[in-house]
Amino acid sequence: MTVSRSTPHPAASGQDTNGSGAEGASRPAPEPQPAPELGEHEAAARTIFDDRLDLARRYTEHLASSGIVRGLIGPREAPRLWERHVLNCAVVESLIPRNAHVADVGSGAGLPGLCLAIARPDLSITLIEPLERRVAWLEEIVADLGLDNVRVLRARAEQAKNQVGPVDVVTARAVSALIGLVDITLPLLKGSGELLALKGRSAQDELRKASKKFNRFGVRSSEVVTVGEDLLEEPTTVVRLVL
């Protein structure tokens, strides 16, 4: 795990793939795709999911089929679901303490929330998603996979503070730039815990731009962490804020 730290502070993704309006309505419905084979990623998947790999396979099949048909995943993502999405999200489990309550903001297709729930049955995970059609899909998948450690909450993150109970970790992927993300995620921690925001190459720049807000939320430390280097060809970059 590679860590790039910023100076500690003293007090301290799911975009819609559907079109909208007349243009979106005129587009043909996307076709379900076959789930990709694990291939070269099988060793990594077995390391992360262990005896729950079959659940991860079923989840990936759902992403490639109903997830695409219902607009949660773009059709072009089907061939790379394992490396770009499922495994990319699941490796973040190494940053989360045992028996933690995790709130996944803007869950969309369950990335990273469902990946973490499959990899870590000890976690209690609340998927927070405002769009009804996404919530319906998430509930169907949770029921089909029998994930008794997952709750789906239809709400905006700003409205969820009093509905999720004590939260140890908040996760988010492809929701917004960090400078806006802190406003809707850090209040869920109620003064204690950490945010794990899955980011790309702009992580360090986003961290710098958002840092002026950290004192307001009591952020004690911030860092950019790279996880999965020993498992994935492209490891996952995470911005980690600790309150």
C-alpha atoms as a PDB file:
ATOM      1  CA  MET A   1       0.000   0.000   0.000  1.00  0.00           C
ATOM      2  CA  THR A   2       1.452   3.354  -1.045  1.00  0.00           C
ATOM      3  CA  VAL A   3       0.513   6.434   0.951  1.00  0.00           C
ATOM      4  CA  SER A   4       0.983  10.060  -0.025  1.00  0.00           C
ATOM      5  CA  ARG A   5       0.204  12.210   2.992  1.00  0.00           C
ATOM      6  CA  SER A   6      -0.774  15.828   3.265  1.00  0.00           C
ATOM      7  CA  THR A   7      -0.053  17.886   6.341  1.00  0.00           C
ATOM      8  CA  PRO A   8      -2.455  16.924   9.138  1.00  0.00           C
ATOM      9  CA  HIS A   9      -5.002  19.558  10.033  1.00  0.00           C
ATOM     10  CA  PRO A  10      -5.067  20.804  13.587  1.00  0.00           C
ATOM     11  CA  ALA A  11      -8.815  20.588  14.127  1.00  0.00           C
ATOM     12  CA  ALA A  12      -8.973  18.146  12.062  1.00  0.00           C
ATOM     13  CA  SER A  13     -20.152   7.180  -8.269  1.00  0.00           C
ATOM     14  CA  GLY A  14     -22.762   6.843  -9.805  1.00  0.00           C
ATOM     15  CA  GLN A  15     -23.467   9.031 -12.632  1.00  0.00           C
ATOM     16  CA  ASP A  16     -26.628   8.277 -14.518  1.00  0.00           C
ATOM     17  CA  THR A  17     -25.844   6.546 -17.799  1.00  0.00           C
ATOM     18  CA  ASN A  18     -29.345   7.042 -19.169  1.00  0.00           C
ATOM     19  CA  GLY A  19     -30.235   9.930 -21.422  1.00  0.00           C
ATOM     20  CA  SER A  20     -32.938  12.363 -20.398  1.00  0.00           C
ATOM     21  CA  GLY A  21     -35.657  14.251 -22.180  1.00  0.00           C
ATOM     22  CA  ALA A  22     -36.517  13.661 -25.818  1.00  0.00           C
ATOM     23  CA  GLU A  23     -33.001  12.738 -26.830  1.00  0.00           C
ATOM     24  CA  GLY A  24     -32.664  10.097 -24.108  1.00  0.00           C
ATOM     25  CA  ALA A  25     -36.143   8.725 -24.791  1.00  0.00           C
ATOM     26  CA  SER A  26     -35.314   8.169 -28.481  1.00  0.00           C
ATOM     27  CA  ARG A  27     -32.314   5.967 -27.821  1.00  0.00           C
ATOM     28  CA  PRO A  28     -32.789   2.203 -28.186  1.00  0.00           C
ATOM     29  CA  ALA A  29     -32.715   0.211 -24.990  1.00  0.00           C
ATOM     30  CA  PRO A  30     -29.253  -1.233 -24.293  1.00  0.00           C
ATOM     31  CA  GLU A  31     -28.833  -4.972 -24.706  1.00  0.00           C
ATOM     32  CA  PRO A  32     -27.675  -7.248 -21.881  1.00  0.00           C
ATOM     33  CA  GLN A  33     -24.093  -8.440 -22.244  1.00  0.00           C
ATOM     34  CA  PRO A  34     -22.448 -11.701 -21.205  1.00  0.00           C
ATOM     35  CA  ALA A  35     -20.571 -11.456 -17.951  1.00  0.00           C
ATOM     36  CA  PRO A  36     -16.815 -11.363 -18.559  1.00  0.00           C
ATOM     37  CA  GLU A  37     -14.641 -14.289 -17.547  1.00  0.00           C
ATOM     38  CA  LEU A  38     -12.220 -13.710 -14.723  1.00  0.00           C
ATOM     39  CA  GLY A  39      -9.269 -14.954 -16.726  1.00  0.00           C
ATOM     40  CA  GLU A  40      -6.058 -13.378 -15.475  1.00  0.00           C
ATOM     41  CA  HIS A  41      -7.942 -11.730 -12.617  1.00  0.00           C
ATOM     42  CA  GLU A  42      -9.009 -14.997 -10.977  1.00  0.00           C
ATOM     43  CA  ALA A  43      -6.160 -15.104  -8.467  1.00  0.00           C
ATOM     44  CA  ALA A  44      -6.921 -11.571  -7.289  1.00  0.00           C
ATOM     45  CA  ALA A  45     -10.643 -12.316  -7.067  1.00  0.00           C
ATOM     46  CA  ARG A  46     -10.028 -15.476  -5.029  1.00  0.00           C
ATOM     47  CA  THR A  47      -7.739 -13.579  -2.669  1.00  0.00           C
ATOM     48  CA  ILE A  48     -10.307 -10.830  -2.095  1.00  0.00           C
ATOM     49  CA  PHE A  49     -13.578 -12.779  -2.065  1.00  0.00           C
ATOM     50  CA  ASP A  50     -12.333 -16.174  -0.865  1.00  0.00           C
ATOM     51  CA  ASP A  51     -15.288 -18.546  -0.380  1.00  0.00           C
ATOM     52  CA  ARG A  52     -17.732 -15.833  -1.491  1.00  0.00           C
ATOM     53  CA  LEU A  53     -16.334 -15.637  -5.020  1.00  0.00           C
ATOM     54  CA  ASP A  54     -19.487 -17.260  -6.426  1.00  0.00           C
ATOM     55  CA  LEU A  55     -21.502 -14.363  -4.980  1.00  0.00           C
ATOM     56  CA  ALA A  56     -19.145 -11.920  -6.669  1.00  0.00           C
ATOM     57  CA  ARG A  57     -19.625 -13.779  -9.954  1.00  0.00           C
ATOM     58  CA  ARG A  58     -23.411 -13.576  -9.638  1.00  0.00           C
ATOM     59  CA  TYR A  59     -23.215  -9.872  -8.846  1.00  0.00           C
ATOM     60  CA  THR A  60     -21.038  -9.299 -11.908  1.00  0.00           C
ATOM     61  CA  GLU A  61     -23.566 -11.214 -14.030  1.00  0.00           C
ATOM     62  CA  HIS A  62     -26.291  -8.901 -12.740  1.00  0.00           C
ATOM     63  CA  LEU A  63     -24.191  -5.862 -13.666  1.00  0.00           C
ATOM     64  CA  ALA A  64     -23.667  -7.160 -17.208  1.00  0.00           C
ATOM     65  CA  SER A  65     -27.319  -8.052 -17.727  1.00  0.00           C
ATOM     66  CA  SER A  66     -29.971  -6.116 -15.818  1.00  0.00           C
ATOM     67  CA  GLY A  67     -27.467  -3.470 -14.763  1.00  0.00           C
ATOM     68  CA  ILE A  68     -26.877  -2.559 -18.399  1.00  0.00           C
ATOM     69  CA  VAL A  69     -30.489  -2.944 -19.506  1.00  0.00           C
ATOM     70  CA  ARG A  70     -31.659  -0.639 -16.724  1.00  0.00           C
ATOM     71  CA  GLY A  71     -28.962   1.951 -17.284  1.00  0.00           C
ATOM     72  CA  LEU A  72     -26.785   1.503 -14.210  1.00  0.00           C
ATOM     73  CA  ILE A  73     -23.737   0.445 -16.211  1.00  0.00           C
ATOM     74  CA  GLY A  74     -22.802   1.439 -19.744  1.00  0.00           C
ATOM     75  CA  PRO A  75     -22.685  -1.424 -22.297  1.00  0.00           C
ATOM     76  CA  ARG A  76     -19.038  -0.692 -23.099  1.00  0.00           C
ATOM     77  CA  GLU A  77     -18.108  -1.454 -19.500  1.00  0.00           C
ATOM     78  CA  ALA A  78     -19.163  -5.115 -19.725  1.00  0.00           C
ATOM     79  CA  PRO A  79     -15.798  -6.566 -20.851  1.00  0.00           C
ATOM     80  CA  ARG A  80     -13.929  -4.820 -18.041  1.00  0.00           C
ATOM     81  CA  LEU A  81     -16.372  -5.202 -15.160  1.00  0.00           C
ATOM     82  CA  TRP A  82     -13.972  -7.247 -13.065  1.00  0.00           C
ATOM     83  CA  GLU A  83     -10.823  -5.145 -13.251  1.00  0.00           C
ATOM     84  CA  ARG A  84     -12.312  -1.660 -13.660  1.00  0.00           C
ATOM     85  CA  HIS A  85     -15.245  -1.962 -11.304  1.00  0.00           C
ATOM     86  CA  VAL A  86     -15.693  -5.013  -9.070  1.00  0.00           C
ATOM     87  CA  LEU A  87     -12.095  -5.692  -8.061  1.00  0.00           C
ATOM     88  CA  ASN A  88     -11.204  -2.003  -8.172  1.00  0.00           C
ATOM     89  CA  CYS A  89     -13.852  -1.433  -5.501  1.00  0.00           C
ATOM     90  CA  ALA A  90     -13.420  -4.607  -3.479  1.00  0.00           C
ATOM     91  CA  VAL A  91      -9.735  -4.035  -2.645  1.00  0.00           C
ATOM     92  CA  VAL A  92     -10.802  -1.062  -0.543  1.00  0.00           C
ATOM     93  CA  GLU A  93     -11.954  -3.568   2.087  1.00  0.00           C
ATOM     94  CA  SER A  94      -8.345  -3.678   3.322  1.00  0.00           C
ATOM     95  CA  LEU A  95      -8.784  -0.123   4.673  1.00  0.00           C
ATOM     96  CA  ILE A  96     -11.904  -0.868   6.714  1.00  0.00           C
ATOM     97  CA  PRO A  97     -11.768  -2.177  10.297  1.00  0.00           C
ATOM     98  CA  ARG A  98     -13.665  -5.305  11.297  1.00  0.00           C
ATOM     99  CA  ASN A  99     -17.358  -5.064  12.169  1.00  0.00           C
ATOM    100  CA  ALA A 100     -17.562  -1.475  10.947  1.00  0.00           C
ATOM    101  CA  HIS A 101     -20.799   0.196   9.880  1.00  0.00           C
ATOM    102  CA  VAL A 102     -20.233   1.562   6.387  1.00  0.00           C
ATOM    103  CA  ALA A 103     -22.451   4.108   4.622  1.00  0.00           C
ATOM    104  CA  ASP A 104     -21.977   4.024   0.850  1.00  0.00           C
ATOM    105  CA  VAL A 105     -23.101   7.334  -0.636  1.00  0.00           C
ATOM    106  CA  GLY A 106     -24.519   7.452  -4.161  1.00  0.00           C
ATOM    107  CA  SER A 107     -24.393   3.666  -4.463  1.00  0.00           C
ATOM    108  CA  GLY A 108     -25.784   3.508  -8.001  1.00  0.00           C
ATOM    109  CA  ALA A 109     -24.897   0.006  -9.183  1.00  0.00           C
ATOM    110  CA  GLY A 110     -23.526  -0.953  -5.780  1.00  0.00           C
ATOM    111  CA  LEU A 111     -19.996   0.263  -6.411  1.00  0.00           C
ATOM    112  CA  PRO A 112     -18.282   0.020  -4.020  1.00  0.00           C
ATOM    113  CA  GLY A 113     -20.952  -0.887  -1.429  1.00  0.00           C
ATOM    114  CA  LEU A 114     -22.041  -4.294  -2.731  1.00  0.00           C
ATOM    115  CA  CYS A 115     -18.471  -5.302  -3.542  1.00  0.00           C
ATOM    116  CA  LEU A 116     -17.504  -4.589   0.065  1.00  0.00           C
ATOM    117  CA  ALA A 117     -20.557  -6.402   1.418  1.00  0.00           C
ATOM    118  CA  ILE A 118     -19.641  -9.518  -0.550  1.00  0.00           C
ATOM    119  CA  ALA A 119     -15.951  -9.423   0.369  1.00  0.00           C
ATOM    120  CA  ARG A 120     -16.580  -8.606   4.031  1.00  0.00           C
ATOM    121  CA  PRO A 121     -19.647 -10.235   5.621  1.00  0.00           C
ATOM    122  CA  ASP A 122     -18.558  -8.790   8.986  1.00  0.00           C
ATOM    123  CA  LEU A 123     -19.400  -5.287   7.767  1.00  0.00           C
ATOM    124  CA  SER A 124     -22.815  -3.674   8.136  1.00  0.00           C
ATOM    125  CA  ILE A 125     -23.415  -1.627   5.005  1.00  0.00           C
ATOM    126  CA  THR A 126     -26.062   0.963   4.207  1.00  0.00           C
ATOM    127  CA  LEU A 127     -26.393   1.806   0.526  1.00  0.00           C
ATOM    128  CA  ILE A 128     -27.615   5.400   0.182  1.00  0.00           C
ATOM    129  CA  GLU A 129     -29.135   6.170  -3.211  1.00  0.00           C
ATOM    130  CA  PRO A 130     -31.746   8.824  -4.132  1.00  0.00           C
ATOM    131  CA  LEU A 131     -33.008   7.467  -7.479  1.00  0.00           C
ATOM    132  CA  GLU A 132     -35.977   5.106  -7.218  1.00  0.00           C
ATOM    133  CA  ARG A 133     -35.067   2.897 -10.165  1.00  0.00           C
ATOM    134  CA  ARG A 134     -31.572   2.354  -8.804  1.00  0.00           C
ATOM    135  CA  VAL A 135     -32.919   1.608  -5.345  1.00  0.00           C
ATOM    136  CA  ALA A 136     -35.287  -0.979  -6.824  1.00  0.00           C
ATOM    137  CA  TRP A 137     -32.396  -2.664  -8.643  1.00  0.00           C
ATOM    138  CA  LEU A 138     -30.183  -2.656  -5.562  1.00  0.00           C
ATOM    139  CA  GLU A 139     -32.937  -4.229  -3.476  1.00  0.00           C
ATOM    140  CA  GLU A 140     -33.417  -6.953  -6.076  1.00  0.00           C
ATOM    141  CA  ILE A 141     -29.713  -7.773  -6.133  1.00  0.00           C
ATOM    142  CA  VAL A 142     -29.379  -7.766  -2.337  1.00  0.00           C
ATOM    143  CA  ALA A 143     -32.321 -10.176  -2.100  1.00  0.00           C
ATOM    144  CA  ASP A 144     -31.017 -12.448  -4.863  1.00  0.00           C
ATOM    145  CA  LEU A 145     -27.546 -12.661  -3.317  1.00  0.00           C
ATOM    146  CA  GLY A 146     -28.932 -13.093   0.201  1.00  0.00           C
ATOM    147  CA  LEU A 147     -26.798 -10.310   1.627  1.00  0.00           C
ATOM    148  CA  ASP A 148     -28.092  -9.980   5.173  1.00  0.00           C
ATOM    149  CA  ASN A 149     -25.470  -7.355   6.024  1.00  0.00           C
ATOM    150  CA  VAL A 150     -26.872  -4.767   3.592  1.00  0.00           C
ATOM    151  CA  ARG A 151     -29.616  -2.178   3.934  1.00  0.00           C
ATOM    152  CA  VAL A 152     -30.772  -0.020   1.029  1.00  0.00           C
ATOM    153  CA  LEU A 153     -31.879   3.498   1.905  1.00  0.00           C
ATOM    154  CA  ARG A 154     -33.558   5.754  -0.623  1.00  0.00           C
ATOM    155  CA  ALA A 155     -32.338   9.226   0.294  1.00  0.00           C
ATOM    156  CA  ARG A 156     -29.955  11.954  -0.634  1.00  0.00           C
ATOM    157  CA  ALA A 157     -26.837  11.895   1.483  1.00  0.00           C
ATOM    158  CA  GLU A 158     -27.782  15.264   2.964  1.00  0.00           C
ATOM    159  CA  GLN A 159     -31.049  13.762   4.235  1.00  0.00           C
ATOM    160  CA  ALA A 160     -29.608  10.498   5.566  1.00  0.00           C
ATOM    161  CA  LYS A 161     -27.753  11.741   8.636  1.00  0.00           C
ATOM    162  CA  ASN A 162     -30.536  10.836  11.068  1.00  0.00           C
ATOM    163  CA  GLN A 163     -31.537   7.632   9.267  1.00  0.00           C
ATOM    164  CA  VAL A 164     -28.351   5.577   9.258  1.00  0.00           C
ATOM    165  CA  GLY A 165     -27.362   5.501  12.929  1.00  0.00           C
ATOM    166  CA  PRO A 166     -23.700   5.460  13.999  1.00  0.00           C
ATOM    167  CA  VAL A 167     -21.381   5.279  10.997  1.00  0.00           C
ATOM    168  CA  ASP A 168     -17.704   4.325  11.175  1.00  0.00           C
ATOM    169  CA  VAL A 169     -16.790   4.678   7.504  1.00  0.00           C
ATOM    170  CA  VAL A 170     -18.335   6.505   4.560  1.00  0.00           C
ATOM    171  CA  THR A 171     -17.469   5.387   1.036  1.00  0.00           C
ATOM    172  CA  ALA A 172     -18.138   7.099  -2.292  1.00  0.00           C
ATOM    173  CA  ARG A 173     -17.199   6.515  -5.920  1.00  0.00           C
ATOM    174  CA  ALA A 174     -17.960   8.700  -8.948  1.00  0.00           C
ATOM    175  CA  VAL A 175     -20.259  10.978  -6.948  1.00  0.00           C
ATOM    176  CA  SER A 176     -18.606  14.400  -7.177  1.00  0.00           C
ATOM    177  CA  ALA A 177     -15.316  16.212  -6.785  1.00  0.00           C
ATOM    178  CA  LEU A 178     -13.958  16.023  -3.251  1.00  0.00           C
ATOM    179  CA  ILE A 179     -14.563  19.714  -2.550  1.00  0.00           C
ATOM    180  CA  GLY A 180     -18.310  19.090  -2.842  1.00  0.00           C
ATOM    181  CA  LEU A 181     -18.255  15.514  -1.608  1.00  0.00           C
ATOM    182  CA  VAL A 182     -17.073  16.467   1.883  1.00  0.00           C
ATOM    183  CA  ASP A 183     -20.214  18.554   2.408  1.00  0.00           C
ATOM    184  CA  ILE A 184     -22.540  15.597   1.886  1.00  0.00           C
ATOM    185  CA  THR A 185     -20.484  12.767   3.360  1.00  0.00           C
ATOM    186  CA  LEU A 186     -18.620  13.998   6.432  1.00  0.00           C
ATOM    187  CA  PRO A 187     -21.786  14.950   8.361  1.00  0.00           C
ATOM    188  CA  LEU A 188     -22.774  11.257   8.289  1.00  0.00           C
ATOM    189  CA  LEU A 189     -19.794  10.501  10.528  1.00  0.00           C
ATOM    190  CA  LYS A 190     -21.121  12.809  13.259  1.00  0.00           C
ATOM    191  CA  GLY A 191     -17.653  13.896  14.307  1.00  0.00           C
ATOM    192  CA  SER A 192     -15.842  10.541  14.319  1.00  0.00           C
ATOM    193  CA  GLY A 193     -14.795   8.081  11.621  1.00  0.00           C
ATOM    194  CA  GLU A 194     -13.371   8.281   8.121  1.00  0.00           C
ATOM    195  CA  LEU A 195     -14.248   8.953   4.517  1.00  0.00           C
ATOM    196  CA  LEU A 196     -12.857   6.679   1.800  1.00  0.00           C
ATOM    197  CA  ALA A 197     -13.427   8.344  -1.567  1.00  0.00           C
ATOM    198  CA  LEU A 198     -12.380   6.286  -4.584  1.00  0.00           C
ATOM    199  CA  LYS A 199     -10.654   8.615  -7.016  1.00  0.00           C
ATOM    200  CA  GLY A 200      -8.454   8.677 -10.100  1.00  0.00           C
ATOM    201  CA  ARG A 201      -5.366  10.578 -11.109  1.00  0.00           C
ATOM    202  CA  SER A 202      -6.799  13.855  -9.862  1.00  0.00           C
ATOM    203  CA  ALA A 203      -6.876  12.631  -6.258  1.00  0.00           C
ATOM    204  CA  GLN A 204      -4.013  14.746  -4.943  1.00  0.00           C
ATOM    205  CA  ASP A 205      -5.288  17.861  -6.700  1.00  0.00           C
ATOM    206  CA  GLU A 206      -8.828  17.288  -5.370  1.00  0.00           C
ATOM    207  CA  LEU A 207      -7.428  16.844  -1.874  1.00  0.00           C
ATOM    208  CA  ARG A 208      -5.553  20.125  -2.106  1.00  0.00           C
ATOM    209  CA  LYS A 209      -8.613  22.034  -3.335  1.00  0.00           C
ATOM    210  CA  ALA A 210     -10.880  20.599  -0.638  1.00  0.00           C
ATOM    211  CA  SER A 211      -8.450  21.089   2.252  1.00  0.00           C
ATOM    212  CA  LYS A 212      -9.738  24.567   3.097  1.00  0.00           C
ATOM    213  CA  LYS A 213     -12.982  22.953   4.289  1.00  0.00           C
ATOM    214  CA  PHE A 214     -11.381  20.391   6.573  1.00  0.00           C
ATOM    215  CA  ASN A 215     -11.269  22.447   9.768  1.00  0.00           C
ATOM    216  CA  ARG A 216     -15.006  23.010   9.535  1.00  0.00           C
ATOM    217  CA  PHE A 217     -15.651  19.263   9.766  1.00  0.00           C
ATOM    218  CA  GLY A 218     -12.918  18.430  12.255  1.00  0.00           C
ATOM    219  CA  VAL A 219     -10.710  16.527   9.819  1.00  0.00           C
ATOM    220  CA  ARG A 220      -7.622  15.433  11.748  1.00  0.00           C
ATOM    221  CA  SER A 221      -5.648  13.924   8.879  1.00  0.00           C
ATOM    222  CA  SER A 222      -5.879  13.438   5.138  1.00  0.00           C
ATOM    223  CA  GLU A 223      -3.997  11.275   2.678  1.00  0.00           C
ATOM    224  CA  VAL A 224      -4.064   9.663  -0.740  1.00  0.00           C
ATOM    225  CA  VAL A 225      -3.762   5.902  -0.422  1.00  0.00           C
ATOM    226  CA  THR A 226      -3.089   3.360  -3.159  1.00  0.00           C
ATOM    227  CA  VAL A 227      -4.432  -0.141  -2.492  1.00  0.00           C
ATOM    228  CA  GLY A 228      -4.335  -3.404  -4.400  1.00  0.00           C
ATOM    229  CA  GLU A 229      -0.847  -2.937  -5.825  1.00  0.00           C
ATOM    230  CA  ASP A 230      -0.032  -6.580  -5.193  1.00  0.00           C
ATOM    231  CA  LEU A 231      -3.287  -7.785  -6.781  1.00  0.00           C
ATOM    232  CA  LEU A 232      -4.330  -5.470  -9.603  1.00  0.00           C
ATOM    233  CA  GLU A 233      -2.580  -4.204 -12.700  1.00  0.00           C
ATOM    234  CA  GLU A 234      -4.110  -0.791 -11.979  1.00  0.00           C
ATOM    235  CA  PRO A 235      -4.382  -0.327  -8.198  1.00  0.00           C
ATOM    236  CA  THR A 236      -7.120   1.736  -6.625  1.00  0.00           C
ATOM    237  CA  THR A 237      -6.564   5.313  -5.499  1.00  0.00           C
ATOM    238  CA  VAL A 238      -8.450   6.424  -2.408  1.00  0.00           C
ATOM    239  CA  VAL A 239      -8.654   9.781  -0.661  1.00  0.00           C
ATOM    240  CA  ARG A 240      -8.881   9.062   3.059  1.00  0.00           C
ATOM    241  CA  LEU A 241     -10.057  11.677   5.541  1.00  0.00           C
ATOM    242  CA  VAL A 242     -10.062  10.885   9.247  1.00  0.00           C
ATOM    243  CA  LEU A 243     -12.177  12.762  11.768  1.00  0.00           C
END
